[in-house]
Amino acid sequence: MTLKTAKKTDITIDARGVALGRLASQVAVLIRGKGTTDWESHLAPNQKVIVKNAAHIRLSGRKWDQGGNERYSGFHGGLRIPTYRDIFTKDPARLIREAVTGMIPRNRLRKDILKNLIIYVNEN
C-alpha cells in the first residue's frame, strides 16, 4: 500500500517555558497538516514539526510527582506507574512524544504522521 503525501514544509517550535499540554495540542494540529490549505484527512502530510528545548517544558501544580502512564507486565504486582519526573529525567523528549501521540487519531496514518515529529532536548 502506498500513501500519497502533500508538499513538504518544516515548522520549528521553541518549547522553553511552554506548558506540556498546550505544546502537545499545537504540535498535534500542525503535524497532521491541518493548518495548510490543502489538508485532506486521507493523506499523510509531509510537514515536519521540529520541537526545540524539550528539557525546558513546564508542568503546573503537582503533576511532576503524580503518576504518568501505567505499564502492566501481566504478573501479580507488575503494575508500574512512573512519575512524570522519572520519565523526564530519563528522556525529556519521550514526555512530549507521548503527549502528542495521544492527540493523533488512531488510524493507518498515525505511524506516518508521527515520523514527521523531531524533538531536540536542547536547542540545536
N, C-alpha and C. Protein backbone atom coordinates (compact mmCIF):
# COMPACT_ATOMS: atom_id res chain seq x y z
N MET A 1 0.85 -1.17 0.00
CA MET A 1 0.00 0.00 0.00
C MET A 1 0.89 1.23 0.00
N THR A 2 0.68 2.14 -0.90
CA THR A 2 1.45 3.37 -0.95
C THR A 2 0.57 4.52 -0.49
N LEU A 3 1.20 5.45 0.14
CA LEU A 3 0.47 6.61 0.65
C LEU A 3 0.92 7.85 -0.09
N LYS A 4 -0.04 8.67 -0.46
CA LYS A 4 0.30 9.94 -1.08
C LYS A 4 0.64 10.93 0.02
N THR A 5 1.53 11.84 -0.29
CA THR A 5 1.89 12.85 0.69
C THR A 5 1.71 14.23 0.08
N ALA A 6 1.40 15.16 0.92
CA ALA A 6 1.27 16.54 0.48
C ALA A 6 2.66 17.16 0.38
N LYS A 7 2.73 18.44 0.00
CA LYS A 7 4.04 19.08 -0.15
C LYS A 7 4.73 19.27 1.20
N LYS A 8 6.05 19.38 1.18
CA LYS A 8 6.86 19.35 2.39
C LYS A 8 7.22 20.76 2.87
N THR A 9 7.04 20.99 4.16
CA THR A 9 7.49 22.21 4.82
C THR A 9 7.97 21.85 6.22
N ASP A 10 8.78 22.71 6.81
CA ASP A 10 9.27 22.50 8.17
C ASP A 10 8.79 23.62 9.07
N ILE A 11 8.34 23.27 10.26
CA ILE A 11 7.90 24.25 11.25
C ILE A 11 8.72 24.02 12.51
N THR A 12 9.29 25.07 13.07
CA THR A 12 10.10 24.97 14.29
C THR A 12 9.35 25.62 15.44
N ILE A 13 9.29 24.92 16.58
CA ILE A 13 8.61 25.42 17.78
C ILE A 13 9.59 25.39 18.94
N ASP A 14 9.66 26.48 19.69
CA ASP A 14 10.51 26.55 20.88
C ASP A 14 9.66 26.20 22.09
N ALA A 15 10.06 25.17 22.85
CA ALA A 15 9.27 24.68 23.97
C ALA A 15 9.68 25.30 25.30
N ARG A 16 10.55 26.29 25.28
CA ARG A 16 11.04 26.88 26.53
C ARG A 16 9.90 27.60 27.27
N GLY A 17 9.57 27.09 28.48
CA GLY A 17 8.58 27.73 29.32
C GLY A 17 7.14 27.49 28.91
N VAL A 18 6.88 26.60 27.97
CA VAL A 18 5.53 26.33 27.49
C VAL A 18 4.98 25.12 28.24
N ALA A 19 3.70 25.17 28.60
CA ALA A 19 3.06 24.04 29.29
C ALA A 19 2.98 22.85 28.34
N LEU A 20 3.13 21.65 28.89
CA LEU A 20 3.19 20.42 28.09
C LEU A 20 1.93 20.22 27.26
N GLY A 21 0.76 20.37 27.85
CA GLY A 21 -0.49 20.13 27.12
C GLY A 21 -0.71 21.11 26.00
N ARG A 22 -0.40 22.38 26.25
CA ARG A 22 -0.57 23.39 25.20
C ARG A 22 0.39 23.16 24.04
N LEU A 23 1.61 22.77 24.38
CA LEU A 23 2.59 22.47 23.34
C LEU A 23 2.15 21.26 22.52
N ALA A 24 1.70 20.21 23.20
CA ALA A 24 1.31 18.97 22.52
C ALA A 24 0.11 19.19 21.60
N SER A 25 -0.87 19.98 22.04
CA SER A 25 -2.04 20.20 21.19
C SER A 25 -1.68 21.03 19.97
N GLN A 26 -0.79 22.00 20.12
CA GLN A 26 -0.36 22.80 18.99
C GLN A 26 0.44 21.96 17.99
N VAL A 27 1.33 21.12 18.51
CA VAL A 27 2.13 20.25 17.64
C VAL A 27 1.24 19.23 16.93
N ALA A 28 0.25 18.69 17.62
CA ALA A 28 -0.63 17.68 17.02
C ALA A 28 -1.41 18.25 15.84
N VAL A 29 -1.87 19.48 15.95
CA VAL A 29 -2.59 20.10 14.84
C VAL A 29 -1.65 20.36 13.66
N LEU A 30 -0.45 20.85 13.96
CA LEU A 30 0.50 21.17 12.90
C LEU A 30 1.04 19.92 12.20
N ILE A 31 1.30 18.88 12.97
CA ILE A 31 1.91 17.68 12.39
C ILE A 31 0.92 16.93 11.50
N ARG A 32 -0.37 17.10 11.77
CA ARG A 32 -1.38 16.49 10.90
C ARG A 32 -1.58 17.29 9.63
N GLY A 33 -1.07 18.52 9.59
CA GLY A 33 -1.18 19.34 8.40
C GLY A 33 -2.48 20.11 8.32
N LYS A 34 -3.19 20.21 9.44
CA LYS A 34 -4.50 20.86 9.41
C LYS A 34 -4.40 22.37 9.27
N GLY A 35 -3.20 22.91 9.41
CA GLY A 35 -3.03 24.34 9.23
C GLY A 35 -2.80 24.75 7.79
N THR A 36 -2.68 23.78 6.91
CA THR A 36 -2.43 24.07 5.50
C THR A 36 -3.74 24.15 4.73
N THR A 37 -3.68 24.76 3.58
CA THR A 37 -4.89 24.91 2.77
C THR A 37 -5.23 23.65 1.99
N ASP A 38 -4.26 22.77 1.81
CA ASP A 38 -4.51 21.55 1.02
C ASP A 38 -4.64 20.31 1.91
N TRP A 39 -5.15 20.46 3.14
CA TRP A 39 -5.29 19.34 4.06
C TRP A 39 -6.40 18.41 3.62
N GLU A 40 -6.10 17.13 3.63
CA GLU A 40 -7.10 16.10 3.36
C GLU A 40 -6.90 15.00 4.38
N SER A 41 -7.99 14.52 4.95
CA SER A 41 -7.89 13.58 6.07
C SER A 41 -7.33 12.23 5.68
N HIS A 42 -7.40 11.85 4.41
CA HIS A 42 -6.94 10.53 3.99
C HIS A 42 -5.51 10.53 3.46
N LEU A 43 -4.84 11.69 3.49
CA LEU A 43 -3.45 11.78 3.03
C LEU A 43 -2.51 12.02 4.20
N ALA A 44 -1.36 11.39 4.16
CA ALA A 44 -0.34 11.62 5.18
C ALA A 44 0.42 12.88 4.82
N PRO A 45 0.38 13.90 5.66
CA PRO A 45 1.11 15.13 5.35
C PRO A 45 2.61 14.92 5.45
N ASN A 46 3.35 15.67 4.69
CA ASN A 46 4.81 15.59 4.72
C ASN A 46 5.36 16.85 5.36
N GLN A 47 4.69 17.32 6.37
CA GLN A 47 5.05 18.55 7.06
C GLN A 47 5.79 18.19 8.35
N LYS A 48 7.07 18.55 8.43
CA LYS A 48 7.87 18.23 9.60
C LYS A 48 7.69 19.31 10.67
N VAL A 49 7.57 18.87 11.91
CA VAL A 49 7.50 19.79 13.05
C VAL A 49 8.70 19.50 13.94
N ILE A 50 9.50 20.53 14.18
CA ILE A 50 10.72 20.41 14.97
C ILE A 50 10.49 21.14 16.29
N VAL A 51 10.63 20.42 17.40
CA VAL A 51 10.45 21.00 18.73
C VAL A 51 11.83 21.11 19.37
N LYS A 52 12.20 22.34 19.75
CA LYS A 52 13.49 22.59 20.39
C LYS A 52 13.29 22.86 21.87
N ASN A 53 14.33 22.66 22.66
CA ASN A 53 14.34 22.92 24.10
C ASN A 53 13.30 22.09 24.84
N ALA A 54 13.24 20.80 24.57
CA ALA A 54 12.29 19.93 25.26
C ALA A 54 12.60 19.81 26.75
N ALA A 55 13.84 20.07 27.13
CA ALA A 55 14.22 19.99 28.53
C ALA A 55 13.71 21.16 29.36
N HIS A 56 13.08 22.14 28.73
CA HIS A 56 12.63 23.33 29.44
C HIS A 56 11.12 23.49 29.42
N ILE A 57 10.37 22.39 29.26
CA ILE A 57 8.91 22.49 29.28
C ILE A 57 8.44 22.71 30.71
N ARG A 58 7.16 23.04 30.86
CA ARG A 58 6.61 23.39 32.16
C ARG A 58 5.39 22.52 32.42
N LEU A 59 5.27 22.06 33.65
CA LEU A 59 4.07 21.37 34.11
C LEU A 59 3.56 22.12 35.33
N SER A 60 2.26 22.32 35.42
CA SER A 60 1.71 23.11 36.52
C SER A 60 1.32 22.23 37.69
N GLY A 61 1.23 22.83 38.86
CA GLY A 61 0.77 22.12 40.04
C GLY A 61 1.71 21.02 40.49
N ARG A 62 1.13 19.90 40.93
CA ARG A 62 1.91 18.78 41.45
C ARG A 62 2.09 17.68 40.42
N LYS A 63 1.95 18.00 39.15
CA LYS A 63 1.99 16.97 38.12
C LYS A 63 3.35 16.29 38.00
N TRP A 64 4.42 16.94 38.40
CA TRP A 64 5.74 16.33 38.30
C TRP A 64 5.81 15.07 39.15
N ASP A 65 5.14 15.07 40.31
CA ASP A 65 5.24 13.95 41.23
C ASP A 65 4.05 13.01 41.17
N GLN A 66 3.06 13.31 40.35
CA GLN A 66 1.92 12.42 40.20
C GLN A 66 2.22 11.39 39.11
N GLY A 67 1.37 10.40 39.00
CA GLY A 67 1.62 9.28 38.10
C GLY A 67 1.58 9.64 36.64
N GLY A 68 2.34 8.90 35.86
CA GLY A 68 2.36 9.04 34.42
C GLY A 68 1.57 7.92 33.78
N ASN A 69 2.09 7.36 32.71
CA ASN A 69 1.40 6.27 32.02
C ASN A 69 1.64 4.95 32.73
N GLU A 70 0.57 4.17 32.87
CA GLU A 70 0.67 2.88 33.55
C GLU A 70 1.23 1.82 32.62
N ARG A 71 2.04 0.93 33.17
CA ARG A 71 2.53 -0.24 32.44
C ARG A 71 2.25 -1.46 33.30
N TYR A 72 1.69 -2.48 32.70
CA TYR A 72 1.38 -3.70 33.44
C TYR A 72 2.02 -4.87 32.73
N SER A 73 2.82 -5.65 33.48
CA SER A 73 3.56 -6.76 32.88
C SER A 73 2.70 -8.00 32.68
N GLY A 74 1.57 -8.09 33.37
CA GLY A 74 0.72 -9.27 33.28
C GLY A 74 0.90 -10.19 34.47
N PHE A 75 1.89 -9.93 35.31
CA PHE A 75 2.13 -10.73 36.50
C PHE A 75 1.58 -10.00 37.73
N HIS A 76 1.36 -10.75 38.81
CA HIS A 76 0.88 -10.15 40.06
C HIS A 76 1.91 -9.14 40.56
N GLY A 77 1.45 -7.96 40.89
CA GLY A 77 2.35 -6.91 41.36
C GLY A 77 3.16 -6.27 40.25
N GLY A 78 2.77 -6.48 39.01
CA GLY A 78 3.54 -5.99 37.87
C GLY A 78 3.11 -4.63 37.36
N LEU A 79 2.27 -3.91 38.12
CA LEU A 79 1.82 -2.59 37.69
C LEU A 79 2.88 -1.55 38.05
N ARG A 80 3.34 -0.82 37.06
CA ARG A 80 4.35 0.22 37.27
C ARG A 80 3.76 1.54 36.79
N ILE A 81 3.81 2.55 37.66
CA ILE A 81 3.33 3.88 37.28
C ILE A 81 4.46 4.87 37.56
N PRO A 82 5.32 5.12 36.56
CA PRO A 82 6.40 6.08 36.79
C PRO A 82 5.85 7.50 36.83
N THR A 83 6.47 8.36 37.64
CA THR A 83 6.04 9.75 37.71
C THR A 83 6.58 10.50 36.49
N TYR A 84 5.99 11.66 36.23
CA TYR A 84 6.47 12.47 35.11
C TYR A 84 7.91 12.90 35.33
N ARG A 85 8.30 13.08 36.59
CA ARG A 85 9.69 13.46 36.90
C ARG A 85 10.66 12.34 36.50
N ASP A 86 10.27 11.08 36.75
CA ASP A 86 11.11 9.94 36.37
C ASP A 86 11.26 9.85 34.86
N ILE A 87 10.16 10.00 34.15
CA ILE A 87 10.19 9.95 32.69
C ILE A 87 11.04 11.10 32.15
N PHE A 88 10.87 12.28 32.72
CA PHE A 88 11.56 13.48 32.25
C PHE A 88 13.06 13.39 32.48
N THR A 89 13.50 12.83 33.61
CA THR A 89 14.93 12.74 33.88
C THR A 89 15.61 11.76 32.95
N LYS A 90 14.90 10.67 32.56
CA LYS A 90 15.50 9.71 31.63
C LYS A 90 15.52 10.25 30.21
N ASP A 91 14.38 10.80 29.75
CA ASP A 91 14.28 11.28 28.37
C ASP A 91 13.18 12.33 28.26
N PRO A 92 13.53 13.63 28.25
CA PRO A 92 12.52 14.67 28.15
C PRO A 92 11.71 14.61 26.86
N ALA A 93 12.32 14.12 25.79
CA ALA A 93 11.61 14.04 24.52
C ALA A 93 10.47 13.02 24.57
N ARG A 94 10.62 11.99 25.39
CA ARG A 94 9.58 10.96 25.48
C ARG A 94 8.28 11.52 26.05
N LEU A 95 8.40 12.46 27.00
CA LEU A 95 7.23 13.07 27.60
C LEU A 95 6.41 13.82 26.55
N ILE A 96 7.08 14.57 25.69
CA ILE A 96 6.39 15.31 24.63
C ILE A 96 5.85 14.35 23.58
N ARG A 97 6.65 13.36 23.20
CA ARG A 97 6.21 12.41 22.17
C ARG A 97 4.95 11.65 22.60
N GLU A 98 4.89 11.22 23.86
CA GLU A 98 3.71 10.51 24.34
C GLU A 98 2.48 11.41 24.40
N ALA A 99 2.67 12.68 24.75
CA ALA A 99 1.54 13.61 24.80
C ALA A 99 1.00 13.87 23.40
N VAL A 100 1.88 14.03 22.41
CA VAL A 100 1.45 14.27 21.04
C VAL A 100 0.82 13.01 20.45
N THR A 101 1.38 11.85 20.76
CA THR A 101 0.85 10.60 20.24
C THR A 101 -0.59 10.38 20.69
N GLY A 102 -0.89 10.77 21.92
CA GLY A 102 -2.25 10.62 22.42
C GLY A 102 -3.25 11.54 21.73
N MET A 103 -2.78 12.56 21.05
CA MET A 103 -3.67 13.50 20.37
C MET A 103 -3.80 13.25 18.88
N ILE A 104 -3.10 12.25 18.36
CA ILE A 104 -3.20 11.90 16.94
C ILE A 104 -4.23 10.77 16.81
N PRO A 105 -5.11 10.81 15.83
CA PRO A 105 -6.11 9.75 15.66
C PRO A 105 -5.47 8.37 15.48
N ARG A 106 -6.11 7.37 16.02
CA ARG A 106 -5.59 6.01 15.94
C ARG A 106 -6.08 5.36 14.65
N ASN A 107 -5.35 5.58 13.58
CA ASN A 107 -5.71 5.02 12.28
C ASN A 107 -4.44 4.62 11.53
N ARG A 108 -4.57 4.28 10.27
CA ARG A 108 -3.42 3.79 9.50
C ARG A 108 -2.36 4.85 9.25
N LEU A 109 -2.72 6.10 9.32
CA LEU A 109 -1.77 7.18 9.04
C LEU A 109 -0.97 7.59 10.27
N ARG A 110 -1.33 7.10 11.45
CA ARG A 110 -0.71 7.57 12.68
C ARG A 110 0.80 7.40 12.68
N LYS A 111 1.29 6.25 12.26
CA LYS A 111 2.72 5.98 12.26
C LYS A 111 3.45 6.92 11.29
N ASP A 112 2.86 7.15 10.13
CA ASP A 112 3.49 8.04 9.14
C ASP A 112 3.47 9.49 9.60
N ILE A 113 2.41 9.89 10.31
CA ILE A 113 2.32 11.25 10.81
C ILE A 113 3.38 11.48 11.88
N LEU A 114 3.55 10.52 12.80
CA LEU A 114 4.49 10.69 13.90
C LEU A 114 5.96 10.63 13.46
N LYS A 115 6.22 10.10 12.27
CA LYS A 115 7.60 10.11 11.75
C LYS A 115 8.06 11.53 11.46
N ASN A 116 7.13 12.45 11.28
CA ASN A 116 7.47 13.84 10.96
C ASN A 116 7.71 14.70 12.20
N LEU A 117 7.67 14.11 13.38
CA LEU A 117 7.92 14.84 14.62
C LEU A 117 9.38 14.66 15.03
N ILE A 118 10.11 15.75 15.13
CA ILE A 118 11.52 15.74 15.53
C ILE A 118 11.64 16.56 16.80
N ILE A 119 12.21 15.95 17.85
CA ILE A 119 12.30 16.62 19.15
C ILE A 119 13.77 16.70 19.55
N TYR A 120 14.23 17.92 19.85
CA TYR A 120 15.58 18.14 20.36
C TYR A 120 15.47 18.52 21.83
N VAL A 121 16.29 17.88 22.66
CA VAL A 121 16.24 18.13 24.09
C VAL A 121 16.71 19.55 24.40
N ASN A 122 17.79 19.96 23.80
CA ASN A 122 18.28 21.33 23.94
C ASN A 122 18.33 21.97 22.56
N GLU A 123 18.52 23.27 22.53
CA GLU A 123 18.50 23.98 21.26
C GLU A 123 19.67 23.56 20.39
N ASN A 124 19.38 23.24 19.12
CA ASN A 124 20.43 22.83 18.18
C ASN A 124 20.45 23.78 17.00
